[in-house]
Amino acid sequence: MKETLRWKLAQYFEKRWWKNYLSNKTVEDYRVWKKDYWKKLLAAGEISLANDSKVLDTGCGPAGVFIVLENQQVTAIDPLLIDYEKQLQHFNKSDYKNVDFIHSTIENFKRENYFDFVFCMNAINHVQDYETAMNNLTESLKPSGVFILTIDAHNYSFFKLLFRAIPGDILHPHQYNLNEYKSHLLKRGVEIEKEILLKKEFFFNHYMIIGRKNSK
């Protein structure tokens, strides 16, 4: 897959963002805070995972939901994992014995099995090829598997079109509103069970969408 300039820029600024963000945070304090954040988010969505669940954490970053899934079989993928491990003291793969880390984009990820849960937390609008990524995510789910997606959804069509035309949101090559995200799941056989408003802002609202793949 040929890398676009916009995506390469987004990846560059993503690494810079993490380095700047974590620069004044101790490893232990940040890990405690982030674990609490994920636990509260899972509770808000009433998401309960059995200990034997197979879980895919996509676009996981250095502190994805994998950090609180200590009893599940987790596969965590991100195209910047090698960079994070080299550049961030906050991320060390050896700290997570139950997680299989794979350096890969969502589009190029080759699954070896199907998953009970697929998480894509603040990552789907970071990808290069949106359609391929969304196909890969939904196809990775078992029938009746649960898809958990968090997104920044545009509130105004004008700014959505403007941000598509110019890199006004440099970290995110793709710009959609809430109904568009939901329609992308529905057409791939994922029924929406919950949509939860996590944070309200001017340009975007931050939502968690929870869906279940059709059993057929």
C-alpha atoms as a PDB file:
ATOM      1  CA  MET A   1       0.000   0.000   0.000  1.00  0.00           C
ATOM      2  CA  LYS A   2       1.468   3.327  -1.056  1.00  0.00           C
ATOM      3  CA  GLU A   3       1.766   5.779   1.796  1.00  0.00           C
ATOM      4  CA  THR A   4       0.119   9.141   1.236  1.00  0.00           C
ATOM      5  CA  LEU A   5       1.825  12.341   2.322  1.00  0.00           C
ATOM      6  CA  ARG A   6      -1.081  13.255   4.577  1.00  0.00           C
ATOM      7  CA  TRP A   7      -0.902   9.900   6.384  1.00  0.00           C
ATOM      8  CA  LYS A   8       2.884  10.091   6.761  1.00  0.00           C
ATOM      9  CA  LEU A   9       2.543  13.564   8.248  1.00  0.00           C
ATOM     10  CA  ALA A  10      -0.139  12.308  10.617  1.00  0.00           C
ATOM     11  CA  GLN A  11       2.142   9.489  11.802  1.00  0.00           C
ATOM     12  CA  TYR A  12       5.039  11.900  12.340  1.00  0.00           C
ATOM     13  CA  PHE A  13       2.924  14.264  14.401  1.00  0.00           C
ATOM     14  CA  GLU A  14       1.384  11.354  16.304  1.00  0.00           C
ATOM     15  CA  LYS A  15       4.847  10.363  17.585  1.00  0.00           C
ATOM     16  CA  ARG A  16       5.622  13.976  18.459  1.00  0.00           C
ATOM     17  CA  TRP A  17       2.311  14.320  20.276  1.00  0.00           C
ATOM     18  CA  TRP A  18       2.995  11.299  22.499  1.00  0.00           C
ATOM     19  CA  LYS A  19       6.546  12.428  23.316  1.00  0.00           C
ATOM     20  CA  ASN A  20       5.333  15.901  24.285  1.00  0.00           C
ATOM     21  CA  TYR A  21       2.307  14.615  26.180  1.00  0.00           C
ATOM     22  CA  LEU A  22       4.278  12.147  28.291  1.00  0.00           C
ATOM     23  CA  SER A  23       7.348  14.318  28.802  1.00  0.00           C
ATOM     24  CA  ASN A  24       6.242  15.619  32.230  1.00  0.00           C
ATOM     25  CA  LYS A  25       4.423  12.480  33.424  1.00  0.00           C
ATOM     26  CA  THR A  26       6.076   9.799  35.509  1.00  0.00           C
ATOM     27  CA  VAL A  27       5.678   6.231  34.315  1.00  0.00           C
ATOM     28  CA  GLU A  28       3.887   5.041  37.432  1.00  0.00           C
ATOM     29  CA  ASP A  29       1.539   8.028  37.790  1.00  0.00           C
ATOM     30  CA  TYR A  30       0.557   7.908  34.144  1.00  0.00           C
ATOM     31  CA  ARG A  31      -0.064   4.157  34.223  1.00  0.00           C
ATOM     32  CA  VAL A  32      -2.282   4.448  37.294  1.00  0.00           C
ATOM     33  CA  TRP A  33      -4.234   7.306  35.700  1.00  0.00           C
ATOM     34  CA  LYS A  34      -4.622   5.517  32.373  1.00  0.00           C
ATOM     35  CA  LYS A  35      -5.783   2.260  33.948  1.00  0.00           C
ATOM     36  CA  ASP A  36      -8.418   4.193  35.866  1.00  0.00           C
ATOM     37  CA  TYR A  37      -9.481   5.924  32.645  1.00  0.00           C
ATOM     38  CA  TRP A  38      -9.994   2.608  30.828  1.00  0.00           C
ATOM     39  CA  LYS A  39     -11.834   1.029  33.749  1.00  0.00           C
ATOM     40  CA  LYS A  40     -14.259   3.957  33.892  1.00  0.00           C
ATOM     41  CA  LEU A  41     -14.789   3.819  30.125  1.00  0.00           C
ATOM     42  CA  LEU A  42     -15.546   0.085  30.199  1.00  0.00           C
ATOM     43  CA  ALA A  43     -17.925   0.654  33.087  1.00  0.00           C
ATOM     44  CA  ALA A  44     -19.692   3.477  31.225  1.00  0.00           C
ATOM     45  CA  GLY A  45     -20.328   1.099  28.331  1.00  0.00           C
ATOM     46  CA  GLU A  46     -21.214  -1.789  30.671  1.00  0.00           C
ATOM     47  CA  ILE A  47     -18.567  -3.832  28.857  1.00  0.00           C
ATOM     48  CA  SER A  48     -17.698  -7.077  30.622  1.00  0.00           C
ATOM     49  CA  LEU A  49     -15.102  -9.457  29.223  1.00  0.00           C
ATOM     50  CA  ALA A  50     -14.821 -13.090  30.277  1.00  0.00           C
ATOM     51  CA  ASN A  51     -11.350 -14.237  31.277  1.00  0.00           C
ATOM     52  CA  ASP A  52     -11.005 -16.474  28.225  1.00  0.00           C
ATOM     53  CA  SER A  53     -12.079 -13.777  25.740  1.00  0.00           C
ATOM     54  CA  LYS A  54      -9.979 -13.196  22.644  1.00  0.00           C
ATOM     55  CA  VAL A  55      -9.502  -9.449  22.245  1.00  0.00           C
ATOM     56  CA  LEU A  56      -8.076  -7.281  19.474  1.00  0.00           C
ATOM     57  CA  ASP A  57      -6.878  -3.793  20.466  1.00  0.00           C
ATOM     58  CA  THR A  58      -6.252  -1.888  17.234  1.00  0.00           C
ATOM     59  CA  GLY A  59      -4.250   1.315  16.962  1.00  0.00           C
ATOM     60  CA  CYS A  60      -3.375   0.591  20.570  1.00  0.00           C
ATOM     61  CA  GLY A  61      -0.682   3.219  21.033  1.00  0.00           C
ATOM     62  CA  PRO A  62       1.629   2.959  24.063  1.00  0.00           C
ATOM     63  CA  ALA A  63      -1.191   2.692  26.621  1.00  0.00           C
ATOM     64  CA  GLY A  64      -4.233   1.185  24.950  1.00  0.00           C
ATOM     65  CA  VAL A  65      -7.068  -0.701  26.583  1.00  0.00           C
ATOM     66  CA  PHE A  66      -4.739  -3.712  26.706  1.00  0.00           C
ATOM     67  CA  ILE A  67      -3.231  -2.336  29.933  1.00  0.00           C
ATOM     68  CA  VAL A  68      -6.366  -3.261  31.929  1.00  0.00           C
ATOM     69  CA  LEU A  69      -7.151  -6.563  30.180  1.00  0.00           C
ATOM     70  CA  GLU A  70      -4.917  -8.690  32.353  1.00  0.00           C
ATOM     71  CA  ASN A  71      -6.955 -11.915  32.171  1.00  0.00           C
ATOM     72  CA  GLN A  72      -7.841 -11.969  28.474  1.00  0.00           C
ATOM     73  CA  GLN A  73      -5.959 -13.178  25.401  1.00  0.00           C
ATOM     74  CA  VAL A  74      -5.065  -9.864  23.792  1.00  0.00           C
ATOM     75  CA  THR A  75      -3.589  -9.005  20.418  1.00  0.00           C
ATOM     76  CA  ALA A  76      -2.535  -5.340  20.223  1.00  0.00           C
ATOM     77  CA  ILE A  77      -1.517  -3.739  16.929  1.00  0.00           C
ATOM     78  CA  ASP A  78      -0.115  -0.361  15.967  1.00  0.00           C
ATOM     79  CA  PRO A  79       2.180   0.837  13.154  1.00  0.00           C
ATOM     80  CA  LEU A  80       4.258   2.861  15.632  1.00  0.00           C
ATOM     81  CA  LEU A  81       4.918   0.224  18.299  1.00  0.00           C
ATOM     82  CA  ILE A  82       8.645   0.010  17.542  1.00  0.00           C
ATOM     83  CA  ASP A  83       8.961   3.794  17.778  1.00  0.00           C
ATOM     84  CA  TYR A  84       7.030   3.892  21.042  1.00  0.00           C
ATOM     85  CA  GLU A  85       9.206   1.234  22.643  1.00  0.00           C
ATOM     86  CA  LYS A  86      12.392   3.014  21.554  1.00  0.00           C
ATOM     87  CA  GLN A  87      11.321   6.538  22.409  1.00  0.00           C
ATOM     88  CA  LEU A  88       8.907   6.280  25.355  1.00  0.00           C
ATOM     89  CA  GLN A  89       9.880   4.929  28.756  1.00  0.00           C
ATOM     90  CA  HIS A  90       6.146   4.591  29.483  1.00  0.00           C
ATOM     91  CA  PHE A  91       5.819   1.624  27.098  1.00  0.00           C
ATOM     92  CA  ASN A  92       7.561  -1.703  27.551  1.00  0.00           C
ATOM     93  CA  LYS A  93       6.056  -4.765  25.889  1.00  0.00           C
ATOM     94  CA  SER A  94       7.533  -7.084  28.507  1.00  0.00           C
ATOM     95  CA  ASP A  95       5.205  -5.560  31.133  1.00  0.00           C
ATOM     96  CA  TYR A  96       2.207  -7.246  29.491  1.00  0.00           C
ATOM     97  CA  LYS A  97       2.704 -10.995  29.441  1.00  0.00           C
ATOM     98  CA  ASN A  98      -0.765 -11.802  28.081  1.00  0.00           C
ATOM     99  CA  VAL A  99      -0.517  -9.413  25.118  1.00  0.00           C
ATOM    100  CA  ASP A 100       0.769 -10.325  21.679  1.00  0.00           C
ATOM    101  CA  PHE A 101       2.051  -7.043  20.222  1.00  0.00           C
ATOM    102  CA  ILE A 102       2.145  -6.772  16.447  1.00  0.00           C
ATOM    103  CA  HIS A 103       3.774  -3.900  14.578  1.00  0.00           C
ATOM    104  CA  SER A 104       1.184  -3.373  11.846  1.00  0.00           C
ATOM    105  CA  THR A 105      -1.360  -1.003  10.426  1.00  0.00           C
ATOM    106  CA  ILE A 106      -5.002  -1.977  10.793  1.00  0.00           C
ATOM    107  CA  GLU A 107      -5.218  -2.360   7.014  1.00  0.00           C
ATOM    108  CA  ASN A 108      -2.316  -4.823   6.802  1.00  0.00           C
ATOM    109  CA  PHE A 109      -3.053  -6.853   9.927  1.00  0.00           C
ATOM    110  CA  LYS A 110      -3.301 -10.586   9.152  1.00  0.00           C
ATOM    111  CA  ARG A 111      -5.366 -12.317  11.809  1.00  0.00           C
ATOM    112  CA  GLU A 112      -4.712 -15.905  12.815  1.00  0.00           C
ATOM    113  CA  ASN A 113      -8.097 -16.278  14.507  1.00  0.00           C
ATOM    114  CA  TYR A 114     -11.336 -14.401  15.118  1.00  0.00           C
ATOM    115  CA  PHE A 115     -12.021 -12.251  18.159  1.00  0.00           C
ATOM    116  CA  ASP A 116     -14.786 -11.958  20.737  1.00  0.00           C
ATOM    117  CA  PHE A 117     -14.080  -8.252  21.142  1.00  0.00           C
ATOM    118  CA  VAL A 118     -12.506  -5.710  18.805  1.00  0.00           C
ATOM    119  CA  PHE A 119     -11.513  -2.338  20.262  1.00  0.00           C
ATOM    120  CA  CYS A 120     -10.645   0.627  18.073  1.00  0.00           C
ATOM    121  CA  MET A 121     -10.196   3.504  20.471  1.00  0.00           C
ATOM    122  CA  ASN A 122      -9.548   6.927  18.927  1.00  0.00           C
ATOM    123  CA  ALA A 123      -7.770   5.247  16.027  1.00  0.00           C
ATOM    124  CA  ILE A 124     -10.027   4.676  13.013  1.00  0.00           C
ATOM    125  CA  ASN A 125      -9.612   8.226  11.691  1.00  0.00           C
ATOM    126  CA  HIS A 126      -5.806   7.843  11.935  1.00  0.00           C
ATOM    127  CA  VAL A 127      -5.616   5.115   9.287  1.00  0.00           C
ATOM    128  CA  GLN A 128      -4.437   5.507   5.718  1.00  0.00           C
ATOM    129  CA  ASP A 129      -7.092   3.447   3.900  1.00  0.00           C
ATOM    130  CA  TYR A 130     -10.321   3.864   5.852  1.00  0.00           C
ATOM    131  CA  GLU A 131     -12.474   1.386   3.924  1.00  0.00           C
ATOM    132  CA  THR A 132      -9.883  -1.395   4.081  1.00  0.00           C
ATOM    133  CA  ALA A 133      -9.281  -0.758   7.777  1.00  0.00           C
ATOM    134  CA  MET A 134     -12.973  -0.844   8.636  1.00  0.00           C
ATOM    135  CA  ASN A 135     -13.428  -4.040   6.605  1.00  0.00           C
ATOM    136  CA  ASN A 136     -10.529  -5.696   8.406  1.00  0.00           C
ATOM    137  CA  LEU A 137     -11.862  -4.711  11.815  1.00  0.00           C
ATOM    138  CA  THR A 138     -15.381  -5.994  11.286  1.00  0.00           C
ATOM    139  CA  GLU A 139     -14.214  -9.150   9.502  1.00  0.00           C
ATOM    140  CA  SER A 140     -11.960  -9.934  12.479  1.00  0.00           C
ATOM    141  CA  LEU A 141     -14.993 -10.314  14.750  1.00  0.00           C
ATOM    142  CA  LYS A 142     -16.632 -13.635  15.474  1.00  0.00           C
ATOM    143  CA  PRO A 143     -20.372 -13.815  14.797  1.00  0.00           C
ATOM    144  CA  SER A 144     -22.080 -12.064  17.738  1.00  0.00           C
ATOM    145  CA  GLY A 145     -18.716 -10.509  18.642  1.00  0.00           C
ATOM    146  CA  VAL A 146     -18.643  -6.998  20.109  1.00  0.00           C
ATOM    147  CA  PHE A 147     -17.089  -3.983  18.412  1.00  0.00           C
ATOM    148  CA  ILE A 148     -16.155  -1.001  20.595  1.00  0.00           C
ATOM    149  CA  LEU A 149     -15.294   2.183  18.721  1.00  0.00           C
ATOM    150  CA  THR A 150     -14.456   5.612  20.113  1.00  0.00           C
ATOM    151  CA  ILE A 151     -14.402   8.522  17.711  1.00  0.00           C
ATOM    152  CA  ASP A 152     -14.347  12.279  17.322  1.00  0.00           C
ATOM    153  CA  ALA A 153     -17.477  12.989  15.289  1.00  0.00           C
ATOM    154  CA  HIS A 154     -17.997  16.258  13.469  1.00  0.00           C
ATOM    155  CA  ASN A 155     -20.837  18.490  14.639  1.00  0.00           C
ATOM    156  CA  TYR A 156     -20.984  20.717  11.546  1.00  0.00           C
ATOM    157  CA  SER A 157     -20.901  19.766   7.865  1.00  0.00           C
ATOM    158  CA  PHE A 158     -19.046  22.945   6.929  1.00  0.00           C
ATOM    159  CA  PHE A 159     -16.067  22.174   9.156  1.00  0.00           C
ATOM    160  CA  LYS A 160     -16.120  18.506   8.195  1.00  0.00           C
ATOM    161  CA  LEU A 161     -15.727  19.444   4.535  1.00  0.00           C
ATOM    162  CA  LEU A 162     -13.164  22.128   5.352  1.00  0.00           C
ATOM    163  CA  PHE A 163     -11.034  19.710   7.381  1.00  0.00           C
ATOM    164  CA  ARG A 164     -11.220  17.201   4.553  1.00  0.00           C
ATOM    165  CA  ALA A 165      -9.913  19.789   2.117  1.00  0.00           C
ATOM    166  CA  ILE A 166      -7.090  21.141   4.282  1.00  0.00           C
ATOM    167  CA  PRO A 167      -5.087  19.531   7.123  1.00  0.00           C
ATOM    168  CA  GLY A 168      -6.895  21.484   9.838  1.00  0.00           C
ATOM    169  CA  ASP A 169      -6.794  18.348  11.988  1.00  0.00           C
ATOM    170  CA  ILE A 170      -3.318  17.069  11.147  1.00  0.00           C
ATOM    171  CA  LEU A 171      -3.462  13.867  13.218  1.00  0.00           C
ATOM    172  CA  HIS A 172      -6.646  12.613  11.551  1.00  0.00           C
ATOM    173  CA  PRO A 173      -6.697  12.056   7.779  1.00  0.00           C
ATOM    174  CA  HIS A 174     -10.414  11.085   7.856  1.00  0.00           C
ATOM    175  CA  GLN A 175     -13.334  13.265   8.906  1.00  0.00           C
ATOM    176  CA  TYR A 176     -16.884  11.966   9.530  1.00  0.00           C
ATOM    177  CA  ASN A 177     -19.967  12.729  11.595  1.00  0.00           C
ATOM    178  CA  LEU A 178     -21.702  10.339  13.979  1.00  0.00           C
ATOM    179  CA  ASN A 179     -24.317   9.091  11.526  1.00  0.00           C
ATOM    180  CA  GLU A 180     -21.632   8.332   8.944  1.00  0.00           C
ATOM    181  CA  TYR A 181     -19.641   6.260  11.430  1.00  0.00           C
ATOM    182  CA  LYS A 182     -22.747   4.320  12.401  1.00  0.00           C
ATOM    183  CA  SER A 183     -23.692   3.710   8.782  1.00  0.00           C
ATOM    184  CA  HIS A 184     -20.191   2.351   8.085  1.00  0.00           C
ATOM    185  CA  LEU A 185     -20.751  -0.275  10.783  1.00  0.00           C
ATOM    186  CA  LEU A 186     -24.309  -1.125   9.796  1.00  0.00           C
ATOM    187  CA  LYS A 187     -23.409  -1.839   6.192  1.00  0.00           C
ATOM    188  CA  ARG A 188     -20.762  -4.262   7.435  1.00  0.00           C
ATOM    189  CA  GLY A 189     -23.211  -6.246   9.517  1.00  0.00           C
ATOM    190  CA  VAL A 190     -22.571  -4.632  12.910  1.00  0.00           C
ATOM    191  CA  GLU A 191     -25.763  -3.627  14.723  1.00  0.00           C
ATOM    192  CA  ILE A 192     -25.473  -0.602  16.990  1.00  0.00           C
ATOM    193  CA  GLU A 193     -26.326  -1.434  20.597  1.00  0.00           C
ATOM    194  CA  LYS A 194     -25.183   1.759  22.337  1.00  0.00           C
ATOM    195  CA  GLU A 195     -23.872   5.197  21.534  1.00  0.00           C
ATOM    196  CA  ILE A 196     -22.493   7.139  24.468  1.00  0.00           C
ATOM    197  CA  LEU A 197     -21.527  10.799  24.422  1.00  0.00           C
ATOM    198  CA  LEU A 198     -18.216  10.975  26.276  1.00  0.00           C
ATOM    199  CA  LYS A 199     -17.300  14.606  25.731  1.00  0.00           C
ATOM    200  CA  LYS A 200     -18.973  17.564  24.039  1.00  0.00           C
ATOM    201  CA  GLU A 201     -16.892  20.171  22.213  1.00  0.00           C
ATOM    202  CA  PHE A 202     -17.374  22.718  19.431  1.00  0.00           C
ATOM    203  CA  PHE A 203     -15.948  21.036  16.338  1.00  0.00           C
ATOM    204  CA  PHE A 204     -16.317  17.427  17.494  1.00  0.00           C
ATOM    205  CA  ASN A 205     -18.196  15.406  20.042  1.00  0.00           C
ATOM    206  CA  HIS A 206     -16.406  12.354  21.412  1.00  0.00           C
ATOM    207  CA  TYR A 207     -18.510   9.177  21.338  1.00  0.00           C
ATOM    208  CA  MET A 208     -18.239   5.526  22.171  1.00  0.00           C
ATOM    209  CA  ILE A 209     -20.181   3.254  19.837  1.00  0.00           C
ATOM    210  CA  ILE A 210     -20.797  -0.340  20.868  1.00  0.00           C
ATOM    211  CA  GLY A 211     -22.035  -2.770  18.234  1.00  0.00           C
ATOM    212  CA  ARG A 212     -22.537  -6.482  17.817  1.00  0.00           C
ATOM    213  CA  LYS A 213     -21.798  -8.422  14.649  1.00  0.00           C
ATOM    214  CA  ASN A 214     -24.691 -10.295  13.113  1.00  0.00           C
ATOM    215  CA  SER A 215     -24.654 -13.974  14.038  1.00  0.00           C
ATOM    216  CA  LYS A 216     -25.235 -15.130  10.438  1.00  0.00           C
END
